[in-house]
Amino acid sequence: MACDLWLVPLVDVLCHSPDNPFAEEIAVYDKALGEAGLPPVPVFGYMPGLSGDVAPVAGFDYDALHFLRRAHLLNLCGLSVTPVDELGGDYEQLLEMFEATAQQSHLVWHYDHAGAYVPVDFAHPLTNDELLDGGGPLGSSHGLLRELRAVAPVLGIDPDNPPETPAAPDRPTTLDERAVPGPADDSPFARERHVWLGLHAAATRSLGQGSMIVFS
């Protein structure tokens, strides 16, 4: 099944518009951030080159996302990261065994099909009843980028000089269709690397442009 990542520019022309389609979600995020003693979702003034247009930044399949999460969780727990062809029940067992660690991870503790990362720096994903009833735990783009950099060497990626980012989807994909395959890669971690590159592009642009990352 396909998973798309979208960037939502946090510019005033979108966020202050009465037609802002993300107004309710941002209000929920602001409440969760406030309860944690953090500033609200930032809103930036319009600058040439920015707009309120929401655009896809990456696409991959859900299984590949879980492969990357598995690799990161194993690495976090000091365990050997070996490639596998299928997840089976091993990933669920890993989540159960190391649930406390998983819940502290921006990469791992996130809904597959919804939710967001915002350009506010906080140590661990935020949760409350409203978040869990909607898009799930709220992640930090800063935290996501830190975790991607941490797992990169395990996958054979130099985080300071990563491979070229795959092209963004040219149209929204539906939940039940296959994602576009990643670029040719003979690494045993090819699927993990494809997702890593997409998430890295999203996190980097989120921080550089002041955008929110949205899963769909």
Protein backbone atom coordinates (compact mmCIF):
# COMPACT_ATOMS: atom_id res chain seq x y z
CA MET A 1 0.00 0.00 0.00
CA ALA A 2 1.22 3.46 -0.87
CA CYS A 3 2.11 6.22 1.56
CA ASP A 4 2.59 9.84 0.50
CA LEU A 5 4.41 12.59 2.38
CA TRP A 6 3.23 16.16 1.86
CA LEU A 7 4.76 19.47 2.87
CA VAL A 8 2.38 22.11 4.21
CA PRO A 9 4.07 25.55 4.12
CA LEU A 10 3.44 27.30 7.44
CA VAL A 11 3.06 30.71 5.81
CA ASP A 12 0.53 33.33 6.80
CA VAL A 13 -1.21 33.25 3.40
CA LEU A 14 -2.30 29.69 4.22
CA CYS A 15 -2.43 29.56 8.02
CA HIS A 16 -4.32 32.83 8.46
CA SER A 17 -6.75 32.14 5.65
CA PRO A 18 -10.35 31.44 6.72
CA ASP A 19 -10.24 28.56 4.25
CA ASN A 20 -7.15 26.94 5.77
CA PRO A 21 -7.92 23.18 5.50
CA PHE A 22 -5.45 22.42 8.31
CA ALA A 23 -6.87 24.88 10.86
CA GLU A 24 -8.41 22.21 13.11
CA GLU A 25 -5.30 20.04 13.07
CA ILE A 26 -3.00 22.96 13.85
CA ALA A 27 -5.24 23.96 16.77
CA VAL A 28 -4.89 20.43 18.19
CA TYR A 29 -1.11 20.56 17.69
CA ASP A 30 -0.91 23.98 19.37
CA LYS A 31 -2.77 22.63 22.40
CA ALA A 32 -0.44 19.62 22.69
CA LEU A 33 2.62 21.82 22.33
CA GLY A 34 1.31 24.25 24.94
CA GLU A 35 0.60 21.45 27.42
CA ALA A 36 4.26 20.40 27.01
CA GLY A 37 5.48 23.95 27.66
CA LEU A 38 6.48 24.43 24.01
CA PRO A 39 5.77 27.26 21.56
CA PRO A 40 2.91 26.84 19.08
CA VAL A 41 3.29 25.74 15.48
CA PRO A 42 5.26 28.59 13.89
CA VAL A 43 3.71 30.74 11.18
CA PHE A 44 6.04 32.59 8.84
CA GLY A 45 5.48 35.73 6.84
CA TYR A 46 5.23 35.46 3.09
CA MET A 47 8.49 35.73 1.19
CA PRO A 48 9.08 35.57 -2.57
CA GLY A 49 9.48 31.95 -3.57
CA LEU A 50 7.10 30.66 -0.91
CA SER A 51 3.39 30.14 -1.24
CA GLY A 52 0.59 28.40 0.55
CA ASP A 53 0.62 25.52 -1.91
CA VAL A 54 0.66 22.05 -0.37
CA ALA A 55 2.84 19.64 -2.37
CA PRO A 56 4.01 16.01 -2.22
CA VAL A 57 7.65 15.50 -1.28
CA ALA A 58 8.04 11.71 -1.21
CA GLY A 59 6.25 8.42 -1.66
CA PHE A 60 6.91 4.82 -0.61
CA ASP A 61 5.01 1.77 0.60
CA TYR A 62 4.03 1.09 4.18
CA ASP A 63 5.99 -2.15 4.42
CA ALA A 64 9.18 -0.31 3.50
CA LEU A 65 8.41 2.29 6.20
CA HIS A 66 8.16 -0.51 8.76
CA PHE A 67 11.45 -1.98 7.53
CA LEU A 68 13.15 1.35 8.27
CA ARG A 69 11.46 1.63 11.66
CA ARG A 70 12.63 -1.89 12.49
CA ALA A 71 16.21 -1.03 11.59
CA HIS A 72 16.13 2.14 13.68
CA LEU A 73 14.60 0.41 16.71
CA LEU A 74 17.16 -2.41 16.58
CA ASN A 75 19.95 0.14 16.34
CA LEU A 76 18.50 2.17 19.23
CA CYS A 77 18.46 -0.92 21.40
CA GLY A 78 22.06 -1.84 20.57
CA LEU A 79 21.07 -4.93 18.59
CA SER A 80 22.48 -6.14 15.30
CA VAL A 81 20.68 -4.77 12.25
CA THR A 82 20.46 -7.45 9.57
CA PRO A 83 18.40 -7.23 6.37
CA VAL A 84 15.23 -9.30 6.07
CA ASP A 85 12.94 -10.09 3.14
CA GLU A 86 9.73 -10.03 5.20
CA LEU A 87 8.77 -8.60 8.56
CA GLY A 88 6.43 -11.35 9.66
CA GLY A 89 5.60 -11.05 13.36
CA ASP A 90 9.15 -10.10 14.35
CA TYR A 91 8.55 -6.36 14.13
CA GLU A 92 5.44 -6.54 16.34
CA GLN A 93 7.42 -8.57 18.90
CA LEU A 94 10.20 -6.01 18.75
CA LEU A 95 7.71 -3.20 19.42
CA GLU A 96 6.29 -5.10 22.39
CA MET A 97 9.69 -5.90 23.87
CA PHE A 98 11.00 -2.36 23.53
CA GLU A 99 7.75 -0.40 23.72
CA ALA A 100 9.15 2.26 26.08
CA THR A 101 12.04 2.94 23.68
CA ALA A 102 9.72 2.93 20.66
CA GLN A 103 7.45 5.50 22.29
CA GLN A 104 10.39 7.90 22.58
CA SER A 105 11.17 7.73 18.86
CA HIS A 106 9.83 10.28 16.38
CA LEU A 107 10.48 7.86 13.53
CA VAL A 108 8.88 4.79 15.10
CA TRP A 109 6.03 6.18 17.24
CA HIS A 110 3.84 7.64 14.49
CA TYR A 111 0.70 6.58 12.70
CA ASP A 112 1.31 5.03 9.29
CA HIS A 113 -1.44 6.83 7.42
CA ALA A 114 -1.92 10.16 9.23
CA GLY A 115 -0.36 12.62 11.63
CA ALA A 116 2.32 15.25 11.25
CA TYR A 117 5.80 16.45 12.07
CA VAL A 118 6.15 20.14 12.89
CA PRO A 119 9.29 22.34 12.84
CA VAL A 120 9.43 22.68 16.61
CA ASP A 121 12.24 20.97 18.52
CA PHE A 122 11.17 18.61 21.31
CA ALA A 123 12.76 15.43 22.61
CA HIS A 124 9.98 12.85 22.24
CA PRO A 125 6.67 12.49 20.34
CA LEU A 126 3.72 14.22 22.00
CA THR A 127 0.49 12.39 22.74
CA ASN A 128 -2.85 13.26 24.26
CA ASP A 129 -6.41 12.02 23.75
CA GLU A 130 -7.15 14.47 20.94
CA LEU A 131 -4.02 13.55 19.04
CA LEU A 132 -4.62 9.81 19.40
CA ASP A 133 -8.25 10.20 18.29
CA GLY A 134 -7.11 12.00 15.15
CA GLY A 135 -3.74 11.85 13.46
CA GLY A 136 -1.78 10.14 16.21
CA PRO A 137 1.37 11.23 18.05
CA LEU A 138 2.84 14.57 17.02
CA GLY A 139 6.45 14.43 15.89
CA SER A 140 9.23 16.99 15.64
CA SER A 141 10.96 17.53 12.30
CA HIS A 142 14.16 18.21 14.28
CA GLY A 143 13.80 14.93 16.16
CA LEU A 144 13.01 13.00 12.99
CA LEU A 145 16.11 14.36 11.28
CA ARG A 146 18.31 13.45 14.27
CA GLU A 147 17.05 9.87 14.21
CA LEU A 148 17.49 9.55 10.46
CA ARG A 149 21.09 10.69 10.82
CA ALA A 150 21.64 8.16 13.62
CA VAL A 151 20.42 5.16 11.60
CA ALA A 152 21.99 6.23 8.30
CA PRO A 153 25.41 4.52 8.77
CA VAL A 154 23.70 1.19 9.50
CA LEU A 155 22.07 1.43 6.06
CA GLY A 156 25.27 2.41 4.32
CA ILE A 157 24.29 6.07 3.96
CA ASP A 158 26.58 9.00 4.69
CA PRO A 159 24.15 11.47 6.33
CA ASP A 160 26.39 14.37 5.33
CA ASN A 161 26.43 13.29 1.68
CA PRO A 162 23.34 11.15 1.03
CA PRO A 163 22.38 9.76 -2.37
CA GLU A 164 20.12 11.76 -4.64
CA THR A 165 16.56 12.03 -3.39
CA PRO A 166 14.01 10.12 -5.50
CA ALA A 167 11.50 12.20 -7.43
CA ALA A 168 8.33 13.16 -5.58
CA PRO A 169 5.05 11.52 -6.69
CA ASP A 170 3.48 13.36 -9.62
CA ARG A 171 -0.01 12.73 -8.24
CA PRO A 172 -1.64 11.60 -5.00
CA THR A 173 -1.67 7.83 -4.58
CA THR A 174 -4.55 5.93 -3.06
CA LEU A 175 -4.19 3.79 0.04
CA ASP A 176 -4.72 0.49 -1.77
CA GLU A 177 -2.42 1.03 -4.75
CA ARG A 178 1.23 0.14 -4.98
CA ALA A 179 3.81 2.83 -4.41
CA VAL A 180 6.18 3.72 -7.24
CA PRO A 181 9.31 1.54 -6.80
CA GLY A 182 12.46 3.21 -5.56
CA PRO A 183 15.52 3.76 -7.72
CA ALA A 184 17.79 0.84 -8.56
CA ASP A 185 19.84 -0.02 -5.48
CA ASP A 186 21.78 -3.24 -4.95
CA SER A 187 22.07 -2.70 -1.20
CA PRO A 188 20.46 -5.35 1.03
CA PHE A 189 18.77 -2.37 2.72
CA ALA A 190 17.38 -0.93 -0.53
CA ARG A 191 13.82 -0.57 0.79
CA GLU A 192 14.95 1.07 4.02
CA ARG A 193 17.20 3.44 2.09
CA HIS A 194 14.38 4.51 -0.23
CA VAL A 195 12.18 5.49 2.72
CA TRP A 196 15.15 7.13 4.48
CA LEU A 197 15.78 9.37 1.48
CA GLY A 198 12.14 10.43 1.29
CA LEU A 199 11.88 11.18 5.01
CA HIS A 200 15.24 12.96 4.98
CA ALA A 201 14.12 15.21 2.11
CA ALA A 202 10.88 15.98 3.96
CA ALA A 203 12.60 16.74 7.29
CA THR A 204 15.29 18.87 5.67
CA ARG A 205 12.79 20.93 3.72
CA SER A 206 10.46 21.17 6.72
CA LEU A 207 13.20 22.89 8.69
CA GLY A 208 14.62 24.89 5.82
CA GLN A 209 11.29 26.20 4.53
CA GLY A 210 9.21 26.24 7.71
CA SER A 211 6.80 23.51 6.63
CA MET A 212 4.77 20.81 8.34
CA ILE A 213 5.14 17.18 7.15
CA VAL A 214 1.84 15.38 6.71
CA PHE A 215 1.32 11.65 6.10
CA SER A 216 -1.46 10.52 3.80
